[in-house]
N, C-alpha and C. Protein backbone atom coordinates (compact mmCIF):
# COMPACT_ATOMS: atom_id res chain seq x y z
N MET A 1 66.05 203.40 85.76
CA MET A 1 64.91 203.36 86.65
C MET A 1 65.25 202.48 87.86
N SER A 2 64.97 202.96 89.03
CA SER A 2 65.25 202.25 90.27
C SER A 2 64.16 201.23 90.57
N LEU A 3 64.58 200.08 91.05
CA LEU A 3 63.62 199.07 91.51
C LEU A 3 63.51 199.04 93.03
N LEU A 4 64.42 199.75 93.69
CA LEU A 4 64.46 199.68 95.13
C LEU A 4 63.30 200.42 95.80
N LEU A 5 63.10 201.66 95.42
CA LEU A 5 62.04 202.47 96.04
C LEU A 5 60.99 202.85 95.01
N PRO A 6 59.76 203.00 95.43
CA PRO A 6 58.71 203.38 94.50
C PRO A 6 58.94 204.79 93.96
N ASN A 7 58.47 205.02 92.76
CA ASN A 7 58.51 206.35 92.14
C ASN A 7 57.34 206.43 91.16
N ARG A 8 57.36 207.39 90.30
CA ARG A 8 56.22 207.53 89.39
C ARG A 8 56.13 206.41 88.36
N HIS A 9 57.23 205.67 88.16
CA HIS A 9 57.24 204.56 87.20
C HIS A 9 57.08 203.19 87.87
N LEU A 10 57.19 203.15 89.19
CA LEU A 10 57.17 201.89 89.92
C LEU A 10 56.21 201.99 91.11
N LYS A 11 55.20 201.13 91.09
CA LYS A 11 54.24 201.12 92.19
C LYS A 11 54.92 200.68 93.49
N THR A 12 54.41 201.16 94.58
CA THR A 12 54.95 200.79 95.89
C THR A 12 54.98 199.27 96.05
N SER A 13 53.93 198.62 95.66
CA SER A 13 53.83 197.17 95.83
C SER A 13 54.84 196.40 94.98
N SER A 14 55.45 197.04 94.00
CA SER A 14 56.43 196.38 93.14
C SER A 14 57.87 196.71 93.49
N SER A 15 58.08 197.54 94.49
CA SER A 15 59.44 197.95 94.84
C SER A 15 60.15 196.86 95.64
N LEU A 16 61.46 196.80 95.50
CA LEU A 16 62.25 195.83 96.23
C LEU A 16 62.17 196.07 97.74
N ALA A 17 62.05 197.31 98.15
CA ALA A 17 61.95 197.61 99.58
C ALA A 17 60.72 196.95 100.19
N VAL A 18 59.61 197.01 99.50
CA VAL A 18 58.37 196.37 99.99
C VAL A 18 58.50 194.86 99.93
N HIS A 19 59.07 194.33 98.86
CA HIS A 19 59.27 192.89 98.76
C HIS A 19 60.16 192.39 99.89
N ALA A 20 61.24 193.14 100.18
CA ALA A 20 62.15 192.76 101.25
C ALA A 20 61.43 192.76 102.60
N ALA A 21 60.64 193.78 102.85
CA ALA A 21 59.91 193.87 104.12
C ALA A 21 58.92 192.72 104.27
N ARG A 22 58.22 192.41 103.21
CA ARG A 22 57.22 191.32 103.30
C ARG A 22 57.89 189.97 103.47
N LEU A 23 59.02 189.74 102.78
CA LEU A 23 59.74 188.48 102.94
C LEU A 23 60.32 188.37 104.34
N TYR A 24 60.94 189.44 104.81
CA TYR A 24 61.54 189.44 106.15
C TYR A 24 60.49 189.10 107.21
N LYS A 25 59.32 189.67 107.08
CA LYS A 25 58.25 189.42 108.04
C LYS A 25 57.85 187.94 108.07
N GLN A 26 57.90 187.27 106.92
CA GLN A 26 57.46 185.88 106.82
C GLN A 26 58.55 184.86 107.14
N LEU A 27 59.82 185.27 107.08
CA LEU A 27 60.91 184.32 107.31
C LEU A 27 60.98 183.89 108.77
N GLU A 28 61.36 182.64 108.97
CA GLU A 28 61.67 182.15 110.31
C GLU A 28 63.01 182.74 110.72
N SER A 29 63.40 182.56 111.97
CA SER A 29 64.67 183.12 112.44
C SER A 29 65.87 182.52 111.70
N THR A 30 65.78 181.27 111.32
CA THR A 30 66.79 180.64 110.44
C THR A 30 66.04 179.83 109.40
N SER A 31 66.56 179.84 108.19
CA SER A 31 65.97 179.04 107.13
C SER A 31 67.02 178.83 106.04
N THR A 32 66.75 177.88 105.19
CA THR A 32 67.63 177.66 104.05
C THR A 32 67.20 178.57 102.91
N VAL A 33 68.06 178.71 101.92
CA VAL A 33 67.70 179.50 100.75
C VAL A 33 66.49 178.89 100.06
N GLY A 34 66.44 177.57 100.00
CA GLY A 34 65.31 176.89 99.37
C GLY A 34 63.99 177.18 100.07
N THR A 35 64.01 177.16 101.39
CA THR A 35 62.80 177.47 102.15
C THR A 35 62.40 178.92 101.97
N ALA A 36 63.39 179.81 101.96
CA ALA A 36 63.11 181.23 101.74
C ALA A 36 62.52 181.45 100.35
N TRP A 37 63.01 180.72 99.36
CA TRP A 37 62.49 180.82 98.00
C TRP A 37 61.02 180.38 97.97
N LEU A 38 60.70 179.29 98.65
CA LEU A 38 59.31 178.83 98.70
C LEU A 38 58.41 179.86 99.39
N THR A 39 58.92 180.49 100.42
CA THR A 39 58.18 181.55 101.11
C THR A 39 57.94 182.72 100.16
N TYR A 40 59.00 183.11 99.45
CA TYR A 40 58.90 184.22 98.50
C TYR A 40 57.87 183.91 97.41
N LYS A 41 57.91 182.68 96.89
CA LYS A 41 56.97 182.28 95.84
C LYS A 41 55.53 182.25 96.35
N SER A 42 55.34 181.97 97.63
CA SER A 42 53.98 181.98 98.17
C SER A 42 53.45 183.42 98.28
N ILE A 43 54.37 184.37 98.49
CA ILE A 43 53.97 185.78 98.58
C ILE A 43 53.84 186.40 97.20
N PHE A 44 54.81 186.11 96.33
CA PHE A 44 54.88 186.70 94.99
C PHE A 44 54.98 185.58 93.94
N PRO A 45 53.89 184.92 93.65
CA PRO A 45 53.94 183.73 92.78
C PRO A 45 54.39 183.98 91.34
N ASP A 46 54.26 185.21 90.85
CA ASP A 46 54.59 185.47 89.45
C ASP A 46 55.99 186.02 89.24
N LEU A 47 56.76 186.21 90.31
CA LEU A 47 58.08 186.82 90.16
C LEU A 47 59.17 185.77 90.02
N PRO A 48 60.20 186.08 89.23
CA PRO A 48 61.26 185.10 88.97
C PRO A 48 62.28 185.02 90.10
N PHE A 49 63.11 184.00 90.03
CA PHE A 49 64.16 183.77 91.02
C PHE A 49 65.12 184.95 91.10
N GLU A 50 65.39 185.60 89.99
CA GLU A 50 66.30 186.75 89.97
C GLU A 50 65.80 187.87 90.88
N ARG A 51 64.50 188.07 90.90
CA ARG A 51 63.91 189.10 91.76
C ARG A 51 64.05 188.71 93.23
N PHE A 52 63.93 187.42 93.52
CA PHE A 52 64.15 186.90 94.86
C PHE A 52 65.58 187.19 95.32
N VAL A 53 66.55 186.96 94.45
CA VAL A 53 67.96 187.21 94.77
C VAL A 53 68.17 188.69 95.06
N LEU A 54 67.58 189.56 94.26
CA LEU A 54 67.69 191.00 94.52
C LEU A 54 67.07 191.36 95.86
N THR A 55 65.98 190.72 96.21
CA THR A 55 65.33 190.96 97.50
C THR A 55 66.23 190.53 98.65
N LEU A 56 66.89 189.38 98.50
CA LEU A 56 67.85 188.95 99.52
C LEU A 56 69.00 189.94 99.62
N ASP A 57 69.47 190.44 98.48
CA ASP A 57 70.54 191.44 98.47
C ASP A 57 70.17 192.67 99.28
N VAL A 58 68.93 193.12 99.16
CA VAL A 58 68.47 194.28 99.91
C VAL A 58 68.51 193.98 101.41
N LEU A 59 68.03 192.81 101.80
CA LEU A 59 68.02 192.45 103.22
C LEU A 59 69.44 192.32 103.79
N VAL A 60 70.35 191.79 103.01
CA VAL A 60 71.75 191.68 103.44
C VAL A 60 72.38 193.07 103.53
N ALA A 61 72.13 193.91 102.54
CA ALA A 61 72.68 195.27 102.54
C ALA A 61 72.18 196.08 103.74
N LEU A 62 70.95 195.85 104.14
CA LEU A 62 70.38 196.54 105.29
C LEU A 62 70.76 195.88 106.62
N LYS A 63 71.55 194.81 106.53
CA LYS A 63 72.01 194.05 107.70
C LYS A 63 70.85 193.46 108.50
N LEU A 64 69.82 193.06 107.78
CA LEU A 64 68.68 192.40 108.40
C LEU A 64 68.72 190.89 108.20
N LEU A 65 69.64 190.45 107.34
CA LEU A 65 69.77 189.04 107.01
C LEU A 65 71.25 188.74 106.83
N GLU A 66 71.68 187.59 107.36
CA GLU A 66 73.06 187.15 107.21
C GLU A 66 73.07 185.73 106.65
N PHE A 67 74.14 185.40 105.94
CA PHE A 67 74.34 184.05 105.44
C PHE A 67 75.36 183.35 106.33
N ASP A 68 75.08 182.11 106.67
CA ASP A 68 76.04 181.26 107.36
C ASP A 68 76.06 179.94 106.61
N GLY A 69 76.95 179.83 105.66
CA GLY A 69 76.96 178.67 104.78
C GLY A 69 75.74 178.72 103.88
N SER A 70 74.88 177.73 104.00
CA SER A 70 73.66 177.71 103.20
C SER A 70 72.43 178.11 104.01
N VAL A 71 72.66 178.66 105.20
CA VAL A 71 71.57 179.04 106.09
C VAL A 71 71.44 180.56 106.13
N LEU A 72 70.21 181.03 106.06
CA LEU A 72 69.90 182.45 106.21
C LEU A 72 69.51 182.69 107.66
N ILE A 73 70.07 183.73 108.25
CA ILE A 73 69.78 184.05 109.65
C ILE A 73 69.20 185.45 109.70
N LYS A 74 68.01 185.56 110.27
CA LYS A 74 67.38 186.86 110.47
C LYS A 74 68.07 187.60 111.60
N VAL A 75 68.44 188.84 111.35
CA VAL A 75 69.03 189.67 112.40
C VAL A 75 67.89 190.46 113.03
N VAL A 76 67.71 190.26 114.32
CA VAL A 76 66.60 190.89 115.03
C VAL A 76 67.16 191.62 116.23
N GLY A 77 66.75 192.88 116.40
CA GLY A 77 67.07 193.60 117.62
C GLY A 77 68.47 194.13 117.74
N ARG A 78 69.24 194.13 116.64
CA ARG A 78 70.58 194.68 116.69
C ARG A 78 70.59 195.98 115.88
N ASN A 79 71.18 197.00 116.42
CA ASN A 79 71.26 198.28 115.74
C ASN A 79 72.38 198.23 114.71
N ALA A 80 72.05 198.36 113.42
CA ALA A 80 73.04 198.31 112.36
C ALA A 80 74.05 199.44 112.48
N ALA A 81 73.70 200.54 113.11
CA ALA A 81 74.62 201.66 113.25
C ALA A 81 75.77 201.32 114.21
N GLN A 82 75.60 200.30 115.03
CA GLN A 82 76.66 199.90 115.95
C GLN A 82 77.78 199.16 115.24
N ASP A 83 77.55 198.61 114.07
CA ASP A 83 78.55 197.84 113.34
C ASP A 83 79.62 198.71 112.74
């Protein structure tokens, strides 16, 4: 069963794609992993850290988020197809 996109077994609100979009919207342009975790917990208080990591993985895979050491950097306004 996929967690990325909603289907008949997974509600839209529980999909990783929706979680990634909501977290991305709330993140500052740069933040630490700890700050991002606190943001995630404020949005999804009942979800575990593992789900947060999967959500970050989705954002990195979509090239919407980059890591620079311990800092997360939001990628804004760059076309991923150009890479």
